[in-house]
């Protein structure tokens, strides 16, 4: 506490996850280089483990057990070092705040935030899949406000929540994943309920789906049953994803409104026969609306949708600035 870290050539603080608990809030980092806090692989032990404002972290694979609440303060920059690096949260995750600078989770090679942390000037550039993901355990509540997640998704998605979970994103960006942007629920092995709320956020430029909610269903006896997906999206941009903007099944509660859905390669929204989605009041990339791939009604020039997505009425002009 109350230490000043100055004129460091490389790391200001280099420790394992246990040593992370010793670095409290009231420390000061005044150098223009060498301010990175490096944390190797390990398990967080503090009940409240905080990544503080205006600090840059180099992370391996960090696990937070069920007893730990992870807080990522506004302005914190978390850079993940390798393709296997990530953050596994089994308790609670609270990231960012609307009233301050964004919290950023990105690649170790991303010099646009937190400086040239790997000290190679412009010799390397960040790209999709530079790090693994944020993985949420069973029953986790995760809140993201004004958070940028990019250049991850080496496995599954940048944000991966395969079991029961409650996730909300407000004023966030999820982009440049090597796989999907967000994946929730599991297509095999358990009947889970996934709840996702997205507001005023951008899910774009991911190499698979923007959002995938794929639950497990077993129709044969014994042990028949099904998981459930609940999705609410408003005032957002779902764009330029290499597969679907949104792919969802097993839902009785899915609404998408006041959003721009365009440039997604396969479909804007792909809803299975077990899913019914209300997606009215959205812009689909063209004034003529989306194209229904099942019965050609509507047959607009915008993103494609499946038949069980209700789209009429739709917006005839973009609702947000185009990417």
Protein backbone atom coordinates (compact mmCIF):
# COMPACT_ATOMS: atom_id res chain seq x y z
CA UNK A 1 0.00 0.00 0.00
CA UNK A 2 1.12 3.57 -0.74
CA UNK A 3 4.07 2.62 -2.91
CA UNK A 4 5.30 4.37 -6.03
CA UNK A 5 6.50 2.31 -9.02
CA UNK A 6 8.75 4.47 -11.19
CA UNK A 7 11.11 4.16 -14.17
CA UNK A 8 10.76 0.42 -14.62
CA UNK A 9 12.14 -1.08 -17.81
CA UNK A 10 9.79 -4.05 -18.01
CA UNK A 11 7.20 -4.97 -15.35
CA UNK A 12 6.30 -2.79 -12.41
CA UNK A 13 5.10 -5.86 -10.52
CA UNK A 14 5.59 -9.53 -11.46
CA UNK A 15 3.82 -12.18 -9.39
CA UNK A 16 1.57 -15.21 -9.41
CA UNK A 17 -2.15 -14.99 -8.71
CA UNK A 18 -1.55 -15.28 -4.96
CA UNK A 19 0.79 -12.29 -5.05
CA UNK A 20 -1.93 -10.32 -6.83
CA UNK A 21 -3.74 -9.98 -3.49
CA UNK A 22 -0.78 -8.05 -2.03
CA UNK A 23 -1.01 -5.21 -4.53
CA UNK A 24 -3.68 -2.95 -3.10
CA UNK A 25 -5.45 0.06 -4.60
CA UNK A 26 -3.34 2.86 -3.14
CA UNK A 27 -0.18 2.31 -5.15
CA UNK A 28 1.10 4.66 -7.82
CA UNK A 29 2.55 3.99 -11.28
CA UNK A 30 4.26 7.03 -12.76
CA UNK A 31 6.48 5.68 -15.55
CA UNK A 32 5.55 5.97 -19.21
CA UNK A 33 6.94 2.44 -19.78
CA UNK A 34 7.32 -0.56 -17.51
CA UNK A 35 4.00 -0.09 -15.78
CA UNK A 36 2.54 -3.51 -16.59
CA UNK A 37 1.52 -5.79 -13.74
CA UNK A 38 2.32 -9.36 -14.77
CA UNK A 39 0.34 -12.25 -13.28
CA UNK A 40 1.23 -15.83 -14.12
CA UNK A 41 -1.27 -18.70 -14.15
CA UNK A 42 -3.00 -19.29 -10.86
CA UNK A 43 -6.05 -18.99 -8.62
CA UNK A 44 -7.24 -15.76 -7.01
CA UNK A 45 -7.75 -16.02 -3.25
CA UNK A 46 -9.21 -12.70 -2.10
CA UNK A 47 -12.99 -12.70 -1.66
CA UNK A 48 -13.01 -9.42 -3.59
CA UNK A 49 -10.31 -9.49 -6.28
CA UNK A 50 -10.05 -6.20 -8.13
CA UNK A 51 -8.30 -5.13 -11.31
CA UNK A 52 -7.85 -1.43 -10.65
CA UNK A 53 -8.49 1.68 -12.74
CA UNK A 54 -5.65 2.89 -14.98
CA UNK A 55 -3.52 -0.21 -14.55
CA UNK A 56 -2.35 -2.53 -17.31
CA UNK A 57 -2.20 -6.25 -16.57
CA UNK A 58 -0.45 -9.07 -18.42
CA UNK A 59 -2.34 -12.28 -17.63
CA UNK A 60 -1.84 -15.98 -18.05
CA UNK A 61 -4.78 -18.22 -17.15
CA UNK A 62 -6.43 -16.86 -14.01
CA UNK A 63 -9.14 -18.74 -12.13
CA UNK A 64 -11.54 -17.20 -9.61
CA UNK A 65 -13.28 -19.88 -7.48
CA UNK A 66 -16.93 -19.64 -6.33
CA UNK A 67 -15.99 -17.70 -3.19
CA UNK A 68 -14.37 -14.88 -5.17
CA UNK A 69 -16.01 -11.84 -6.77
CA UNK A 70 -13.94 -10.44 -9.63
CA UNK A 71 -14.19 -6.67 -10.16
CA UNK A 72 -12.70 -5.04 -13.26
CA UNK A 73 -12.74 -1.31 -12.69
CA UNK A 74 -13.29 1.31 -15.42
CA UNK A 75 -10.05 2.11 -17.21
CA UNK A 76 -8.37 -1.18 -16.31
CA UNK A 77 -6.61 -2.87 -19.26
CA UNK A 78 -6.30 -6.66 -19.14
CA UNK A 79 -3.94 -8.07 -21.78
CA UNK A 80 -3.87 -11.83 -22.19
CA UNK A 81 -0.44 -13.19 -23.05
CA UNK A 82 -0.93 -16.40 -25.05
CA UNK A 83 -3.51 -18.40 -26.99
CA UNK A 84 -4.25 -20.42 -23.85
CA UNK A 85 -4.62 -17.39 -21.55
CA UNK A 86 -8.00 -16.44 -20.15
CA UNK A 87 -10.10 -15.66 -17.11
CA UNK A 88 -12.24 -18.41 -15.56
CA UNK A 89 -14.87 -17.03 -13.17
CA UNK A 90 -16.82 -19.40 -10.94
CA UNK A 91 -18.20 -16.78 -8.55
CA UNK A 92 -19.36 -13.35 -9.70
CA UNK A 93 -17.97 -10.93 -12.29
CA UNK A 94 -18.54 -7.16 -12.28
CA UNK A 95 -16.77 -5.30 -15.08
CA UNK A 96 -16.76 -1.61 -15.96
CA UNK A 97 -18.97 1.34 -15.26
CA UNK A 98 -20.98 3.70 -17.43
CA UNK A 99 -19.58 6.87 -15.89
CA UNK A 100 -15.86 6.41 -16.64
CA UNK A 101 -13.37 5.10 -19.21
CA UNK A 102 -14.01 1.66 -20.65
CA UNK A 103 -12.46 -1.44 -19.18
CA UNK A 104 -10.61 -3.29 -21.94
CA UNK A 105 -9.86 -7.01 -22.27
CA UNK A 106 -7.57 -7.60 -25.22
CA UNK A 107 -4.46 -9.18 -26.68
CA UNK A 108 -0.94 -8.78 -25.26
CA UNK A 109 -0.02 -7.56 -28.74
CA UNK A 110 -2.52 -4.69 -28.66
CA UNK A 111 -0.43 -1.52 -28.33
CA UNK A 112 -3.40 0.81 -28.84
CA UNK A 113 -4.23 0.61 -25.12
CA UNK A 114 -1.89 0.33 -22.17
CA UNK A 115 1.14 1.14 -24.29
CA UNK A 116 3.67 -1.12 -26.00
CA UNK A 117 3.57 -3.66 -23.20
CA UNK A 118 5.59 -6.29 -25.08
CA UNK A 119 8.29 -3.74 -26.03
CA UNK A 120 8.49 -4.61 -29.72
CA UNK A 121 7.25 -1.28 -31.08
CA UNK A 122 5.17 -2.18 -34.16
CA UNK A 123 6.75 -5.57 -34.96
CA UNK A 124 3.59 -7.46 -33.97
CA UNK A 125 -0.08 -6.62 -34.32
CA UNK A 126 -3.12 -8.11 -32.55
CA UNK A 127 -5.54 -10.46 -34.27
CA UNK A 128 -8.49 -12.77 -33.63
CA UNK A 129 -7.66 -15.68 -31.33
CA UNK A 130 -4.61 -14.14 -29.66
CA UNK A 131 -6.08 -15.27 -26.32
CA UNK A 132 -8.61 -17.86 -25.23
CA UNK A 133 -11.70 -16.41 -23.53
CA UNK A 134 -13.63 -15.34 -20.47
CA UNK A 135 -15.30 -18.51 -19.20
CA UNK A 136 -18.16 -18.38 -16.70
CA UNK A 137 -18.93 -21.33 -14.45
CA UNK A 138 -22.27 -22.77 -13.42
CA UNK A 139 -24.63 -20.26 -11.80
CA UNK A 140 -22.43 -17.22 -12.41
CA UNK A 141 -23.83 -13.69 -12.61
CA UNK A 142 -21.75 -11.46 -14.85
CA UNK A 143 -22.29 -7.76 -15.51
CA UNK A 144 -20.40 -5.81 -18.18
CA UNK A 145 -20.86 -2.03 -18.50
CA UNK A 146 -18.77 -0.01 -20.93
CA UNK A 147 -16.37 -2.91 -21.55
CA UNK A 148 -14.44 -3.78 -24.72
CA UNK A 149 -13.61 -7.44 -25.36
CA UNK A 150 -11.55 -8.10 -28.49
CA UNK A 151 -8.97 -10.33 -30.21
CA UNK A 152 -9.87 -13.39 -28.10
CA UNK A 153 -11.98 -16.43 -28.84
CA UNK A 154 -9.17 -18.86 -29.55
CA UNK A 155 -11.58 -21.46 -28.18
CA UNK A 156 -15.41 -21.40 -28.13
CA UNK A 157 -15.96 -17.60 -27.92
CA UNK A 158 -14.57 -14.46 -26.33
CA UNK A 159 -17.33 -14.76 -23.71
CA UNK A 160 -18.20 -18.39 -22.99
CA UNK A 161 -20.91 -19.40 -20.51
CA UNK A 162 -21.83 -23.05 -21.12
CA UNK A 163 -24.07 -23.69 -18.09
CA UNK A 164 -26.65 -21.83 -15.96
CA UNK A 165 -25.79 -18.15 -16.09
CA UNK A 166 -27.10 -14.61 -16.02
CA UNK A 167 -25.11 -12.23 -18.24
CA UNK A 168 -25.80 -8.59 -19.05
CA UNK A 169 -23.91 -6.24 -21.37
CA UNK A 170 -24.58 -2.52 -21.52
CA UNK A 171 -22.59 -0.18 -23.79
CA UNK A 172 -20.07 -2.90 -24.64
CA UNK A 173 -18.14 -4.04 -27.71
CA UNK A 174 -17.44 -7.72 -28.43
CA UNK A 175 -15.39 -8.08 -31.60
CA UNK A 176 -12.62 -9.77 -33.51
CA UNK A 177 -13.09 -13.23 -32.06
CA UNK A 178 -11.51 -16.18 -33.81
CA UNK A 179 -14.75 -18.05 -33.10
CA UNK A 180 -18.05 -16.61 -31.86
CA UNK A 181 -18.44 -13.43 -29.87
CA UNK A 182 -20.71 -14.85 -27.16
CA UNK A 183 -21.65 -18.51 -26.59
CA UNK A 184 -24.13 -19.50 -23.89
CA UNK A 185 -25.63 -22.83 -22.84
CA UNK A 186 -24.39 -26.28 -23.80
CA UNK A 187 -25.68 -28.44 -26.67
CA UNK A 188 -24.92 -31.63 -24.74
CA UNK A 189 -24.60 -32.97 -21.24
CA UNK A 190 -27.10 -30.98 -19.16
CA UNK A 191 -30.34 -29.01 -19.06
CA UNK A 192 -29.17 -25.45 -18.39
CA UNK A 193 -30.89 -22.06 -18.41
CA UNK A 194 -29.01 -19.17 -20.01
CA UNK A 195 -30.14 -15.55 -19.63
CA UNK A 196 -28.55 -12.85 -21.78
CA UNK A 197 -29.41 -9.14 -21.85
CA UNK A 198 -27.63 -6.88 -24.36
CA UNK A 199 -28.26 -3.14 -24.50
CA UNK A 200 -26.55 -0.38 -26.48
CA UNK A 201 -23.75 -2.75 -27.46
CA UNK A 202 -21.91 -3.86 -30.59
CA UNK A 203 -21.31 -7.53 -31.44
CA UNK A 204 -19.35 -7.45 -34.68
CA UNK A 205 -16.57 -8.81 -36.85
CA UNK A 206 -16.40 -12.23 -35.24
CA UNK A 207 -15.33 -15.26 -37.27
CA UNK A 208 -18.33 -17.42 -36.37
CA UNK A 209 -21.61 -16.30 -34.75
CA UNK A 210 -22.07 -12.97 -33.05
CA UNK A 211 -24.23 -14.67 -30.40
CA UNK A 212 -24.84 -18.42 -30.11
CA UNK A 213 -27.33 -19.82 -27.59
CA UNK A 214 -27.48 -23.57 -28.16
CA UNK A 215 -29.20 -25.59 -25.43
CA UNK A 216 -29.43 -29.33 -24.92
CA UNK A 217 -32.63 -31.24 -25.60
CA UNK A 218 -33.30 -34.92 -24.99
CA UNK A 219 -36.59 -36.19 -26.35
CA UNK A 220 -36.23 -39.90 -25.67
CA UNK A 221 -37.04 -41.56 -22.33
CA UNK A 222 -35.69 -41.90 -19.72
CA UNK A 223 -34.36 -38.51 -18.71
CA UNK A 224 -36.17 -36.44 -21.31
CA UNK A 225 -35.94 -32.69 -20.94
CA UNK A 226 -34.54 -29.53 -22.40
CA UNK A 227 -32.49 -26.51 -21.54
CA UNK A 228 -33.75 -22.96 -22.01
CA UNK A 229 -32.43 -19.75 -23.54
CA UNK A 230 -33.73 -16.28 -22.68
CA UNK A 231 -32.50 -13.37 -24.78
CA UNK A 232 -33.21 -9.63 -24.79
CA UNK A 233 -31.35 -7.30 -27.17
CA UNK A 234 -32.09 -3.58 -27.56
CA UNK A 235 -30.48 -0.53 -29.15
CA UNK A 236 -27.51 -2.56 -30.41
CA UNK A 237 -25.48 -3.44 -33.50
CA UNK A 238 -25.09 -7.06 -34.62
CA UNK A 239 -22.97 -6.84 -37.74
CA UNK A 240 -20.41 -8.40 -40.05
CA UNK A 241 -20.12 -11.73 -38.28
CA UNK A 242 -18.85 -14.55 -40.48
CA UNK A 243 -21.73 -16.96 -39.74
CA UNK A 244 -24.93 -15.75 -38.05
CA UNK A 245 -25.53 -12.54 -36.20
CA UNK A 246 -27.66 -14.48 -33.69
CA UNK A 247 -28.30 -18.23 -33.56
CA UNK A 248 -30.72 -19.49 -30.93
CA UNK A 249 -32.84 -22.50 -30.03
CA UNK A 250 -35.12 -23.60 -27.19
CA UNK A 251 -36.53 -20.23 -26.25
CA UNK A 252 -39.95 -18.91 -25.36
CA UNK A 253 -38.53 -15.50 -24.47
CA UNK A 254 -36.37 -13.86 -27.12
CA UNK A 255 -36.77 -10.25 -28.24
CA UNK A 256 -34.55 -8.10 -30.44
CA UNK A 257 -35.54 -4.46 -30.88
CA UNK A 258 -34.28 -1.07 -32.06
CA UNK A 259 -31.10 -2.64 -33.40
CA UNK A 260 -29.10 -2.76 -36.63
CA UNK A 261 -28.55 -6.31 -37.90
CA UNK A 262 -26.59 -6.42 -41.14
CA UNK A 263 -23.63 -7.85 -42.99
CA UNK A 264 -23.85 -11.22 -41.26
CA UNK A 265 -22.76 -13.85 -43.78
CA UNK A 266 -25.28 -16.66 -43.24
CA UNK A 267 -28.24 -15.12 -41.42
CA UNK A 268 -29.02 -12.12 -39.30
CA UNK A 269 -31.06 -14.35 -36.98
CA UNK A 270 -31.21 -18.13 -37.19
CA UNK A 271 -33.92 -19.45 -34.85
CA UNK A 272 -34.55 -23.19 -34.73
CA UNK A 273 -38.02 -24.75 -34.75
CA UNK A 274 -37.94 -24.70 -30.94
CA UNK A 275 -37.33 -20.95 -30.85
CA UNK A 276 -39.69 -18.06 -31.51
CA UNK A 277 -38.10 -14.64 -31.73
CA UNK A 278 -39.81 -11.24 -31.81
CA UNK A 279 -37.46 -8.99 -33.78
CA UNK A 280 -39.52 -5.99 -34.81
CA UNK A 281 -38.34 -2.43 -35.24
CA UNK A 282 -34.86 -3.37 -36.44
CA UNK A 283 -32.86 -2.34 -39.53
CA UNK A 284 -31.67 -5.30 -41.57
CA UNK A 285 -29.19 -3.63 -43.90
CA UNK A 286 -31.74 -2.52 -46.50
CA UNK A 287 -34.97 -0.53 -46.56
CA UNK A 288 -36.76 -3.54 -48.06
CA UNK A 289 -36.21 -5.51 -44.87
CA UNK A 290 -34.80 -9.00 -44.29
CA UNK A 291 -35.11 -12.08 -46.50
CA UNK A 292 -37.02 -15.03 -45.05
CA UNK A 293 -35.10 -18.12 -46.12
CA UNK A 294 -38.04 -20.47 -45.44
CA UNK A 295 -40.97 -18.99 -47.36
CA UNK A 296 -39.51 -15.86 -48.98
CA UNK A 297 -41.91 -13.59 -47.09
CA UNK A 298 -40.56 -11.00 -46.61
CA UNK A 299 -38.15 -11.19 -49.51
CA UNK A 300 -36.10 -8.07 -48.83
CA UNK A 301 -32.47 -7.47 -49.63
CA UNK A 302 -31.31 -7.29 -46.02
CA UNK A 303 -29.90 -10.02 -43.79
CA UNK A 304 -31.57 -13.41 -44.01
CA UNK A 305 -33.81 -14.78 -41.23
CA UNK A 306 -35.61 -18.04 -40.54
CA UNK A 307 -39.37 -18.28 -40.70
CA UNK A 308 -40.04 -18.23 -36.96
CA UNK A 309 -38.52 -14.78 -36.53
CA UNK A 310 -41.19 -12.07 -36.46
CA UNK A 311 -39.71 -9.03 -38.21
CA UNK A 312 -42.58 -6.80 -39.35
CA UNK A 313 -42.54 -3.84 -38.95
CA UNK A 314 -38.87 -3.04 -39.53
CA UNK A 315 -36.87 0.18 -39.73
CA UNK A 316 -36.15 1.46 -43.24
CA UNK A 317 -33.02 3.42 -42.30
CA UNK A 318 -30.09 2.60 -39.97
CA UNK A 319 -30.68 3.29 -36.31
CA UNK A 320 -26.98 3.75 -35.50
CA UNK A 321 -23.84 4.86 -37.32
CA UNK A 322 -22.64 2.16 -39.69
CA UNK A 323 -19.44 0.30 -38.85
